[in-house]
């Protein structure tokens, strides 16, 4: 396979990244190539001028490993990062501040995981298939055999729970991507890839592809609160109450702050003014991995209702990503996305949307038939 060069301004080669939470990195004094006028030189991640904050980056890697991911791993703070820290603090019985205070740093460091790994790419890491240019219109997408990644950089970034821009920032814009290349990547590699008990072969393959550890906690029910933008996964007795139906959602459930043992938390995008989060108590009955998607413009926000319906092929860049966990609420599900960087920051068409790597992890934590409680 021909090497693909990282697409940013030319600059210095690979340099050290990934610094412990307890220590900020020293400035790298290595010289860089002369830059075109107006183009900022690449600097090592975690040093002044880099878009990556080394402390935040390491915390994001550790939160991801602990089951409290903060969206894409990019070394940047924000509301999603703060929510992840708060969830981790709650799970460890720490003061809930949303800040990387001393106690939280120490608890995260117990995971004993460096922030990055140097990895040599093999043929299977970059084999595609790819679709470029990626068509915008549903009618053109329907003609494809799959809604695949656009290129190897996009594929690699999803496998390592990050963004193409972050991989460039970690390695420098001149670093080629191809078989045999050695790249610095977020350290999300699993401790175990023994996916015994997987629902089917597709799930096992996707768990492996997205670097999901086979050893996950057991979840008994989930809670999504409209005001918070997160999905919490609890172990313990399922709160009692009548289940909602399409004709009768029933009274809005309201749980206390600790309805069970909090074992994981995921950032989600949910609902909109047109298609709000379906408040109620539902079941998630069946899982579909790499599902096709019936494109129905009349049900989607901002689409022309007279536009023809289409059956779109499966793929990570499809509207529901790589998995659909079906709710007993008609037309609603928990699913992946083609835009992981928007999770927690944008509306959806009523469903509950997660990053592809998070929804496949959720499918490992929860067994089909679990209870989903949506509250305001």
Foldseek 3Di string as FASTA:
>chain_A
DDWDFFDDWAKDWADDAFDALVDQDDFDPDDMDDGDPPGDHAGAARHPPFQANRNLLQVQLLLVVQFQHQFARARDDDLSQLVSLQLVCVLVVHPRDSDCDPVSSVVSCVVVDTFKDWDADACVLFVWDADPPQDDDPVVLLPDQANEHHGSLQLNSQLQRHHSVRQCSNTPRGQIDDHGGIGIGTPLAAPDLPQPPAPDPLLSVLCVSSRPHNDAAAFFEWEAEPVRQKIWTFDDDDDDDDFAAQVGQDDFDDDDPPPHNTRHMFGKAFADPVAHASGHKKFQADKDFQDWDWAQQVLFPPGDNPDDIHTGGGYCADAFGGMWRDINHPPETEGEHNCSVCGNPDHGSGYIYHHHNSVSNVPSNYDGGHMYGYHD
